């Protein structure tokens, strides 16, 4: 969407050497606008060692969710991954 527009603008700038059909396609992308109801793609927020420490200290996904600004489900899953050894503990990184 927007990232594709930026890429096309970088690759097919005015006066660049390009096939006419490719330039026309790139030009048509420039006029695209996100419809009002369309949401943008979700970008995952990585867990930091400090957030892992807070999560483990609190021991409650619900309490940690309020402190960290995350969902209880996200905190619960991260706590399980930390305790099960699927991700390194904060001190091991």
PDB file of N, CA and C in Angstrom:
ATOM      1  N   UNK A   1       0.829  -1.171   0.000  1.00  0.00           N
ATOM      2  CA  UNK A   1       0.000   0.000   0.000  1.00  0.00           C
ATOM      3  C   UNK A   1       0.890   1.257   0.000  1.00  0.00           C
ATOM      4  N   UNK A   2       1.002   1.910   1.162  1.00  0.00           N
ATOM      5  CA  UNK A   2       1.821   3.122   1.218  1.00  0.00           C
ATOM      6  C   UNK A   2       3.291   2.807   0.984  1.00  0.00           C
ATOM      7  N   UNK A   3       3.744   1.664   1.500  1.00  0.00           N
ATOM      8  CA  UNK A   3       5.142   1.273   1.291  1.00  0.00           C
ATOM      9  C   UNK A   3       5.407   1.014  -0.192  1.00  0.00           C
ATOM     10  N   UNK A   4       4.444   0.407  -0.871  1.00  0.00           N
ATOM     11  CA  UNK A   4       4.566   0.171  -2.310  1.00  0.00           C
ATOM     12  C   UNK A   4       4.619   1.471  -3.088  1.00  0.00           C
ATOM     13  N   UNK A   5       3.846   2.446  -2.645  1.00  0.00           N
ATOM     14  CA  UNK A   5       3.879   3.761  -3.291  1.00  0.00           C
ATOM     15  C   UNK A   5       5.267   4.384  -3.157  1.00  0.00           C
ATOM     16  N   UNK A   6       5.831   4.308  -1.945  1.00  0.00           N
ATOM     17  CA  UNK A   6       7.169   4.891  -1.732  1.00  0.00           C
ATOM     18  C   UNK A   6       8.220   4.178  -2.574  1.00  0.00           C
ATOM     19  N   UNK A   7       8.131   2.858  -2.637  1.00  0.00           N
ATOM     20  CA  UNK A   7       9.088   2.083  -3.429  1.00  0.00           C
ATOM     21  C   UNK A   7       8.988   2.431  -4.908  1.00  0.00           C
ATOM     22  N   UNK A   8       7.766   2.495  -5.421  1.00  0.00           N
ATOM     23  CA  UNK A   8       7.564   2.831  -6.835  1.00  0.00           C
ATOM     24  C   UNK A   8       8.077   4.234  -7.134  1.00  0.00           C
ATOM     25  N   UNK A   9       7.857   5.164  -6.209  1.00  0.00           N
ATOM     26  CA  UNK A   9       8.338   6.534  -6.413  1.00  0.00           C
ATOM     27  C   UNK A   9       9.864   6.586  -6.426  1.00  0.00           C
ATOM     28  N   UNK A  10      10.505   5.767  -5.602  1.00  0.00           N
ATOM     29  CA  UNK A  10      11.969   5.725  -5.578  1.00  0.00           C
ATOM     30  C   UNK A  10      12.542   5.076  -6.836  1.00  0.00           C
ATOM     31  N   UNK A  11      11.901   4.018  -7.307  1.00  0.00           N
ATOM     32  CA  UNK A  11      12.413   3.287  -8.472  1.00  0.00           C
ATOM     33  C   UNK A  11      12.077   3.976  -9.797  1.00  0.00           C
ATOM     34  N   UNK A  12      10.886   4.549  -9.870  1.00  0.00           N
ATOM     35  CA  UNK A  12      10.421   5.145 -11.124  1.00  0.00           C
ATOM     36  C   UNK A  12      10.224   6.655 -10.955  1.00  0.00           C
ATOM     37  N   UNK A  13      11.308   7.339 -10.675  1.00  0.00           N
ATOM     38  CA  UNK A  13      11.279   8.792 -10.507  1.00  0.00           C
ATOM     39  C   UNK A  13      11.152   9.463 -11.876  1.00  0.00           C
ATOM     40  N   UNK A  14      10.723  10.725 -11.930  1.00  0.00           N
ATOM     41  CA  UNK A  14      10.565  11.427 -13.220  1.00  0.00           C
ATOM     42  C   UNK A  14      11.891  11.469 -13.995  1.00  0.00           C
ATOM     43  N   UNK A  15      11.831  11.072 -15.235  1.00  0.00           N
ATOM     44  CA  UNK A  15      13.006  11.096 -16.105  1.00  0.00           C
ATOM     45  C   UNK A  15      13.886   9.871 -16.015  1.00  0.00           C
ATOM     46  N   UNK A  16      13.498   8.863 -15.230  1.00  0.00           N
ATOM     47  CA  UNK A  16      14.336   7.669 -15.133  1.00  0.00           C
ATOM     48  C   UNK A  16      14.192   6.822 -16.398  1.00  0.00           C
ATOM     49  N   UNK A  17      15.146   5.943 -16.606  1.00  0.00           N
ATOM     50  CA  UNK A  17      15.117   5.034 -17.734  1.00  0.00           C
ATOM     51  C   UNK A  17      14.224   3.853 -17.361  1.00  0.00           C
ATOM     52  N   UNK A  18      13.049   3.779 -17.977  1.00  0.00           N
ATOM     53  CA  UNK A  18      12.104   2.713 -17.630  1.00  0.00           C
ATOM     54  C   UNK A  18      11.226   2.390 -18.831  1.00  0.00           C
ATOM     55  N   UNK A  19      10.702   1.184 -18.848  1.00  0.00           N
ATOM     56  CA  UNK A  19       9.733   0.817 -19.864  1.00  0.00           C
ATOM     57  C   UNK A  19       8.476   1.657 -19.659  1.00  0.00           C
ATOM     58  N   UNK A  20       7.837   2.040 -20.767  1.00  0.00           N
ATOM     59  CA  UNK A  20       6.653   2.894 -20.669  1.00  0.00           C
ATOM     60  C   UNK A  20       5.556   2.260 -19.818  1.00  0.00           C
ATOM     61  N   UNK A  21       5.332   0.961 -19.984  1.00  0.00           N
ATOM     62  CA  UNK A  21       4.261   0.309 -19.228  1.00  0.00           C
ATOM     63  C   UNK A  21       4.591   0.270 -17.739  1.00  0.00           C
ATOM     64  N   UNK A  22       5.874   0.132 -17.401  1.00  0.00           N
ATOM     65  CA  UNK A  22       6.274   0.125 -15.993  1.00  0.00           C
ATOM     66  C   UNK A  22       6.118   1.518 -15.389  1.00  0.00           C
ATOM     67  N   UNK A  23       6.511   2.522 -16.143  1.00  0.00           N
ATOM     68  CA  UNK A  23       6.376   3.900 -15.671  1.00  0.00           C
ATOM     69  C   UNK A  23       4.898   4.253 -15.476  1.00  0.00           C
ATOM     70  N   UNK A  24       4.055   3.802 -16.407  1.00  0.00           N
ATOM     71  CA  UNK A  24       2.624   4.074 -16.298  1.00  0.00           C
ATOM     72  C   UNK A  24       2.032   3.398 -15.058  1.00  0.00           C
ATOM     73  N   UNK A  25       2.463   2.175 -14.792  1.00  0.00           N
ATOM     74  CA  UNK A  25       1.974   1.465 -13.609  1.00  0.00           C
ATOM     75  C   UNK A  25       2.425   2.168 -12.331  1.00  0.00           C
ATOM     76  N   UNK A  26       3.664   2.618 -12.300  1.00  0.00           N
ATOM     77  CA  UNK A  26       4.184   3.337 -11.136  1.00  0.00           C
ATOM     78  C   UNK A  26       3.448   4.661 -10.947  1.00  0.00           C
ATOM     79  N   UNK A  27       3.156   5.338 -12.041  1.00  0.00           N
ATOM     80  CA  UNK A  27       2.417   6.604 -11.960  1.00  0.00           C
ATOM     81  C   UNK A  27       0.995   6.396 -11.443  1.00  0.00           C
ATOM     82  N   UNK A  28       0.383   5.277 -11.819  1.00  0.00           N
ATOM     83  CA  UNK A  28      -0.983   5.019 -11.357  1.00  0.00           C
ATOM     84  C   UNK A  28      -1.013   4.738  -9.848  1.00  0.00           C
ATOM     85  N   UNK A  29       0.066   4.218  -9.306  1.00  0.00           N
ATOM     86  CA  UNK A  29       0.137   3.964  -7.864  1.00  0.00           C
ATOM     87  C   UNK A  29       0.174   5.262  -7.063  1.00  0.00           C
ATOM     88  N   UNK A  30       0.754   6.289  -7.621  1.00  0.00           N
ATOM     89  CA  UNK A  30       0.911   7.555  -6.897  1.00  0.00           C
ATOM     90  C   UNK A  30      -0.427   8.164  -6.510  1.00  0.00           C
ATOM     91  N   UNK A  31      -1.459   7.899  -7.277  1.00  0.00           N
ATOM     92  CA  UNK A  31      -2.759   8.480  -6.995  1.00  0.00           C
ATOM     93  C   UNK A  31      -3.622   7.682  -6.033  1.00  0.00           C
ATOM     94  N   UNK A  32      -3.135   6.519  -5.590  1.00  0.00           N
ATOM     95  CA  UNK A  32      -3.929   5.672  -4.707  1.00  0.00           C
ATOM     96  C   UNK A  32      -4.013   6.294  -3.317  1.00  0.00           C
ATOM     97  N   UNK A  33      -5.167   6.217  -2.704  1.00  0.00           N
ATOM     98  CA  UNK A  33      -5.353   6.675  -1.323  1.00  0.00           C
ATOM     99  C   UNK A  33      -6.106   5.591  -0.559  1.00  0.00           C
ATOM    100  N   UNK A  34      -5.707   5.384   0.675  1.00  0.00           N
ATOM    101  CA  UNK A  34      -6.342   4.364   1.504  1.00  0.00           C
ATOM    102  C   UNK A  34      -7.802   4.739   1.745  1.00  0.00           C
ATOM    103  N   UNK A  35      -8.736   3.836   1.465  1.00  0.00           N
ATOM    104  CA  UNK A  35     -10.149   4.115   1.749  1.00  0.00           C
ATOM    105  C   UNK A  35     -10.366   4.353   3.246  1.00  0.00           C
ATOM    106  N   UNK A  36     -11.378   5.130   3.571  1.00  0.00           N
ATOM    107  CA  UNK A  36     -11.615   5.541   4.951  1.00  0.00           C
ATOM    108  C   UNK A  36     -11.737   4.366   5.915  1.00  0.00           C
ATOM    109  N   UNK A  37     -12.403   3.296   5.539  1.00  0.00           N
ATOM    110  CA  UNK A  37     -12.599   2.175   6.447  1.00  0.00           C
ATOM    111  C   UNK A  37     -11.482   1.155   6.460  1.00  0.00           C
ATOM    112  N   UNK A  38     -10.495   1.308   5.610  1.00  0.00           N
ATOM    113  CA  UNK A  38      -9.433   0.307   5.510  1.00  0.00           C
ATOM    114  C   UNK A  38      -8.343   0.593   6.541  1.00  0.00           C
ATOM    115  N   UNK A  39      -8.051  -0.390   7.379  1.00  0.00           N
ATOM    116  CA  UNK A  39      -7.003  -0.184   8.370  1.00  0.00           C
ATOM    117  C   UNK A  39      -5.655  -0.594   7.793  1.00  0.00           C
ATOM    118  N   UNK A  40      -4.610  -0.031   8.327  1.00  0.00           N
ATOM    119  CA  UNK A  40      -3.278  -0.364   7.842  1.00  0.00           C
ATOM    120  C   UNK A  40      -2.805  -1.668   8.480  1.00  0.00           C
ATOM    121  N   UNK A  41      -1.790  -2.253   7.907  1.00  0.00           N
ATOM    122  CA  UNK A  41      -1.274  -3.527   8.389  1.00  0.00           C
ATOM    123  C   UNK A  41      -0.697  -3.368   9.791  1.00  0.00           C
ATOM    124  N   UNK A  42      -0.855  -4.405  10.601  1.00  0.00           N
ATOM    125  CA  UNK A  42      -0.346  -4.403  11.967  1.00  0.00           C
ATOM    126  C   UNK A  42       1.149  -4.689  11.955  1.00  0.00           C
ATOM    127  N   UNK A  43       1.888  -3.915  12.726  1.00  0.00           N
ATOM    128  CA  UNK A  43       3.320  -4.143  12.876  1.00  0.00           C
ATOM    129  C   UNK A  43       3.570  -4.626  14.301  1.00  0.00           C
ATOM    130  N   UNK A  44       4.118  -5.802  14.419  1.00  0.00           N
ATOM    131  CA  UNK A  44       4.347  -6.386  15.735  1.00  0.00           C
ATOM    132  C   UNK A  44       5.330  -5.552  16.552  1.00  0.00           C
ATOM    133  N   UNK A  45       5.035  -5.425  17.824  1.00  0.00           N
ATOM    134  CA  UNK A  45       5.904  -4.703  18.742  1.00  0.00           C
ATOM    135  C   UNK A  45       6.772  -5.725  19.466  1.00  0.00           C
ATOM    136  N   UNK A  46       8.069  -5.610  19.344  1.00  0.00           N
ATOM    137  CA  UNK A  46       9.003  -6.549  19.951  1.00  0.00           C
ATOM    138  C   UNK A  46       9.036  -6.376  21.465  1.00  0.00           C
ATOM    139  N   UNK A  47       9.347  -7.451  22.141  1.00  0.00           N
ATOM    140  CA  UNK A  47       9.486  -7.415  23.593  1.00  0.00           C
ATOM    141  C   UNK A  47      10.924  -7.029  23.936  1.00  0.00           C
ATOM    142  N   UNK A  48      11.081  -6.114  24.868  1.00  0.00           N
ATOM    143  CA  UNK A  48      12.416  -5.706  25.319  1.00  0.00           C
ATOM    144  C   UNK A  48      12.754  -6.483  26.594  1.00  0.00           C
ATOM    145  N   UNK A  49      14.034  -6.578  26.918  1.00  0.00           N
ATOM    146  CA  UNK A  49      14.412  -7.250  28.169  1.00  0.00           C
ATOM    147  C   UNK A  49      13.779  -6.588  29.395  1.00  0.00           C
ATOM    148  N   UNK A  50      13.627  -5.271  29.375  1.00  0.00           N
ATOM    149  CA  UNK A  50      12.997  -4.579  30.506  1.00  0.00           C
ATOM    150  C   UNK A  50      11.536  -4.993  30.661  1.00  0.00           C
ATOM    151  N   UNK A  51      10.830  -5.123  29.536  1.00  0.00           N
ATOM    152  CA  UNK A  51       9.436  -5.561  29.587  1.00  0.00           C
ATOM    153  C   UNK A  51       9.339  -6.999  30.106  1.00  0.00           C
ATOM    154  N   UNK A  52      10.288  -7.844  29.686  1.00  0.00           N
ATOM    155  CA  UNK A  52      10.304  -9.224  30.176  1.00  0.00           C
ATOM    156  C   UNK A  52      10.499  -9.253  31.689  1.00  0.00           C
ATOM    157  N   UNK A  53      11.405  -8.407  32.196  1.00  0.00           N
ATOM    158  CA  UNK A  53      11.647  -8.348  33.641  1.00  0.00           C
ATOM    159  C   UNK A  53      10.384  -7.932  34.395  1.00  0.00           C
ATOM    160  N   UNK A  54       9.713  -6.893  33.905  1.00  0.00           N
ATOM    161  CA  UNK A  54       8.482  -6.423  34.548  1.00  0.00           C
ATOM    162  C   UNK A  54       7.447  -7.538  34.538  1.00  0.00           C
ATOM    163  N   UNK A  55       7.303  -8.217  33.428  1.00  0.00           N
ATOM    164  CA  UNK A  55       6.335  -9.300  33.300  1.00  0.00           C
ATOM    165  C   UNK A  55       6.623 -10.403  34.311  1.00  0.00           C
ATOM    166  N   UNK A  56       7.883 -10.798  34.431  1.00  0.00           N
ATOM    167  CA  UNK A  56       8.237 -11.868  35.356  1.00  0.00           C
ATOM    168  C   UNK A  56       8.131 -11.418  36.809  1.00  0.00           C
ATOM    169  N   UNK A  57       8.456 -10.160  37.095  1.00  0.00           N
ATOM    170  CA  UNK A  57       8.359  -9.650  38.467  1.00  0.00           C
ATOM    171  C   UNK A  57       6.906  -9.578  38.927  1.00  0.00           C
ATOM    172  N   UNK A  58       6.041  -9.107  38.067  1.00  0.00           N
ATOM    173  CA  UNK A  58       4.636  -8.987  38.447  1.00  0.00           C
ATOM    174  C   UNK A  58       3.960 -10.350  38.550  1.00  0.00           C
ATOM    175  N   UNK A  59       4.315 -11.247  37.652  1.00  0.00           N
ATOM    176  CA  UNK A  59       3.779 -12.600  37.690  1.00  0.00           C
ATOM    177  C   UNK A  59       2.323 -12.728  37.269  1.00  0.00           C
ATOM    178  N   UNK A  60       1.712 -11.633  36.904  1.00  0.00           N
ATOM    179  CA  UNK A  60       0.310 -11.655  36.481  1.00  0.00           C
ATOM    180  C   UNK A  60       0.187 -11.009  35.108  1.00  0.00           C
ATOM    181  N   UNK A  61      -0.285 -11.757  34.122  1.00  0.00           N
ATOM    182  CA  UNK A  61      -0.449 -11.172  32.791  1.00  0.00           C
ATOM    183  C   UNK A  61      -1.391  -9.964  32.778  1.00  0.00           C
ATOM    184  N   UNK A  62      -2.411  -9.999  33.589  1.00  0.00           N
ATOM    185  CA  UNK A  62      -3.374  -8.890  33.630  1.00  0.00           C
ATOM    186  C   UNK A  62      -2.731  -7.631  34.197  1.00  0.00           C
ATOM    187  N   UNK A  63      -2.005  -7.772  35.299  1.00  0.00           N
ATOM    188  CA  UNK A  63      -1.327  -6.620  35.905  1.00  0.00           C
ATOM    189  C   UNK A  63      -0.236  -6.091  34.981  1.00  0.00           C
ATOM    190  N   UNK A  64       0.508  -6.990  34.371  1.00  0.00           N
ATOM    191  CA  UNK A  64       1.579  -6.581  33.463  1.00  0.00           C
ATOM    192  C   UNK A  64       1.018  -5.874  32.237  1.00  0.00           C
ATOM    193  N   UNK A  65      -0.137  -6.306  31.771  1.00  0.00           N
ATOM    194  CA  UNK A  65      -0.751  -5.690  30.589  1.00  0.00           C
ATOM    195  C   UNK A  65      -1.038  -4.218  30.847  1.00  0.00           C
ATOM    196  N   UNK A  66      -1.528  -3.899  32.028  1.00  0.00           N
ATOM    197  CA  UNK A  66      -1.820  -2.502  32.360  1.00  0.00           C
ATOM    198  C   UNK A  66      -0.544  -1.676  32.440  1.00  0.00           C
ATOM    199  N   UNK A  67       0.495  -2.230  33.051  1.00  0.00           N
ATOM    200  CA  UNK A  67       1.758  -1.505  33.215  1.00  0.00           C
ATOM    201  C   UNK A  67       2.480  -1.323  31.876  1.00  0.00           C
ATOM    202  N   UNK A  68       2.469  -2.363  31.053  1.00  0.00           N
ATOM    203  CA  UNK A  68       3.244  -2.355  29.810  1.00  0.00           C
ATOM    204  C   UNK A  68       2.472  -1.824  28.603  1.00  0.00           C
ATOM    205  N   UNK A  69       1.186  -1.627  28.735  1.00  0.00           N
ATOM    206  CA  UNK A  69       0.394  -1.160  27.602  1.00  0.00           C
ATOM    207  C   UNK A  69       0.227  -2.223  26.537  1.00  0.00           C
ATOM    208  N   UNK A  70       0.101  -3.462  26.978  1.00  0.00           N
ATOM    209  CA  UNK A  70      -0.113  -4.591  26.085  1.00  0.00           C
ATOM    210  C   UNK A  70      -1.396  -5.300  26.472  1.00  0.00           C
ATOM    211  N   UNK A  71      -1.797  -6.275  25.682  1.00  0.00           N
ATOM    212  CA  UNK A  71      -3.012  -7.019  26.017  1.00  0.00           C
ATOM    213  C   UNK A  71      -2.663  -8.128  27.015  1.00  0.00           C
ATOM    214  N   UNK A  72      -3.622  -8.514  27.856  1.00  0.00           N
ATOM    215  CA  UNK A  72      -3.379  -9.634  28.771  1.00  0.00           C
ATOM    216  C   UNK A  72      -3.011 -10.920  28.026  1.00  0.00           C
ATOM    217  N   UNK A  73      -3.620 -11.120  26.875  1.00  0.00           N
ATOM    218  CA  UNK A  73      -3.313 -12.318  26.088  1.00  0.00           C
ATOM    219  C   UNK A  73      -1.858 -12.318  25.626  1.00  0.00           C
ATOM    220  N   UNK A  74      -1.371 -11.152  25.177  1.00  0.00           N
ATOM    221  CA  UNK A  74       0.013 -11.032  24.743  1.00  0.00           C
ATOM    222  C   UNK A  74       0.964 -11.296  25.911  1.00  0.00           C
ATOM    223  N   UNK A  75       0.643 -10.730  27.065  1.00  0.00           N
ATOM    224  CA  UNK A  75       1.478 -10.934  28.249  1.00  0.00           C
ATOM    225  C   UNK A  75       1.465 -12.392  28.698  1.00  0.00           C
ATOM    226  N   UNK A  76       0.315 -13.016  28.645  1.00  0.00           N
ATOM    227  CA  UNK A  76       0.195 -14.418  29.032  1.00  0.00           C
ATOM    228  C   UNK A  76       1.047 -15.311  28.129  1.00  0.00           C
ATOM    229  N   UNK A  77       0.977 -15.075  26.832  1.00  0.00           N
ATOM    230  CA  UNK A  77       1.754 -15.864  25.880  1.00  0.00           C
ATOM    231  C   UNK A  77       3.245 -15.638  26.070  1.00  0.00           C
ATOM    232  N   UNK A  78       3.653 -14.390  26.288  1.00  0.00           N
ATOM    233  CA  UNK A  78       5.070 -14.090  26.492  1.00  0.00           C
ATOM    234  C   UNK A  78       5.569 -14.743  27.779  1.00  0.00           C
ATOM    235  N   UNK A  79       4.760 -14.701  28.838  1.00  0.00           N
ATOM    236  CA  UNK A  79       5.153 -15.316  30.103  1.00  0.00           C
ATOM    237  C   UNK A  79       5.338 -16.822  29.922  1.00  0.00           C
ATOM    238  N   UNK A  80       4.424 -17.449  29.182  1.00  0.00           N
ATOM    239  CA  UNK A  80       4.558 -18.880  28.924  1.00  0.00           C
ATOM    240  C   UNK A  80       5.844 -19.178  28.148  1.00  0.00           C
ATOM    241  N   UNK A  81       6.133 -18.350  27.134  1.00  0.00           N
ATOM    242  CA  UNK A  81       7.348 -18.573  26.336  1.00  0.00           C
ATOM    243  C   UNK A  81       8.605 -18.408  27.180  1.00  0.00           C
ATOM    244  N   UNK A  82       8.608 -17.432  28.067  1.00  0.00           N
ATOM    245  CA  UNK A  82       9.766 -17.222  28.935  1.00  0.00           C
ATOM    246  C   UNK A  82       9.945 -18.403  29.885  1.00  0.00           C
ATOM    247  N   UNK A  83       8.856 -18.808  30.516  1.00  0.00           N
ATOM    248  CA  UNK A  83       8.946 -19.895  31.500  1.00  0.00           C
ATOM    249  C   UNK A  83       9.234 -21.251  30.862  1.00  0.00           C
ATOM    250  N   UNK A  84       8.762 -21.460  29.648  1.00  0.00           N
ATOM    251  CA  UNK A  84       8.978 -22.740  28.953  1.00  0.00           C
ATOM    252  C   UNK A  84      10.349 -22.790  28.271  1.00  0.00           C
ATOM    253  N   UNK A  85      11.054 -21.675  28.255  1.00  0.00           N
ATOM    254  CA  UNK A  85      12.385 -21.654  27.638  1.00  0.00           C
ATOM    255  C   UNK A  85      12.373 -21.488  26.132  1.00  0.00           C
ATOM    256  N   UNK A  86      11.243 -21.066  25.565  1.00  0.00           N
ATOM    257  CA  UNK A  86      11.165 -20.874  24.115  1.00  0.00           C
ATOM    258  C   UNK A  86      11.854 -19.592  23.673  1.00  0.00           C
ATOM    259  N   UNK A  87      12.011 -18.665  24.584  1.00  0.00           N
ATOM    260  CA  UNK A  87      12.766 -17.425  24.336  1.00  0.00           C
ATOM    261  C   UNK A  87      13.730 -17.247  25.497  1.00  0.00           C
ATOM    262  N   UNK A  88      14.879 -16.594  25.262  1.00  0.00           N
ATOM    263  CA  UNK A  88      15.843 -16.435  26.346  1.00  0.00           C
ATOM    264  C   UNK A  88      15.334 -15.510  27.448  1.00  0.00           C
ATOM    265  N   UNK A  89      15.716 -15.803  28.673  1.00  0.00           N
ATOM    266  CA  UNK A  89      15.388 -14.960  29.810  1.00  0.00           C
ATOM    267  C   UNK A  89      16.072 -13.604  29.640  1.00  0.00           C
ATOM    268  N   UNK A  90      15.569 -12.547  30.285  1.00  0.00           N
ATOM    269  CA  UNK A  90      16.135 -11.203  30.112  1.00  0.00           C
ATOM    270  C   UNK A  90      17.636 -11.120  30.377  1.00  0.00           C
ATOM    271  N   UNK A  91      18.149 -11.848  31.326  1.00  0.00           N
ATOM    272  CA  UNK A  91      19.587 -11.803  31.632  1.00  0.00           C
ATOM    273  C   UNK A  91      20.445 -12.594  30.674  1.00  0.00           C
ATOM    274  N   UNK A  92      19.867 -13.422  29.834  1.00  0.00           N
ATOM    275  CA  UNK A  92      20.622 -14.298  28.927  1.00  0.00           C
ATOM    276  C   UNK A  92      20.921 -13.668  27.581  1.00  0.00           C
ATOM    277  N   UNK A  93      20.365 -12.500  27.311  1.00  0.00           N
ATOM    278  CA  UNK A  93      20.541 -11.898  25.983  1.00  0.00           C
ATOM    279  C   UNK A  93      21.815 -11.145  25.878  1.00  0.00           C
TER     280      UNK A  93
END
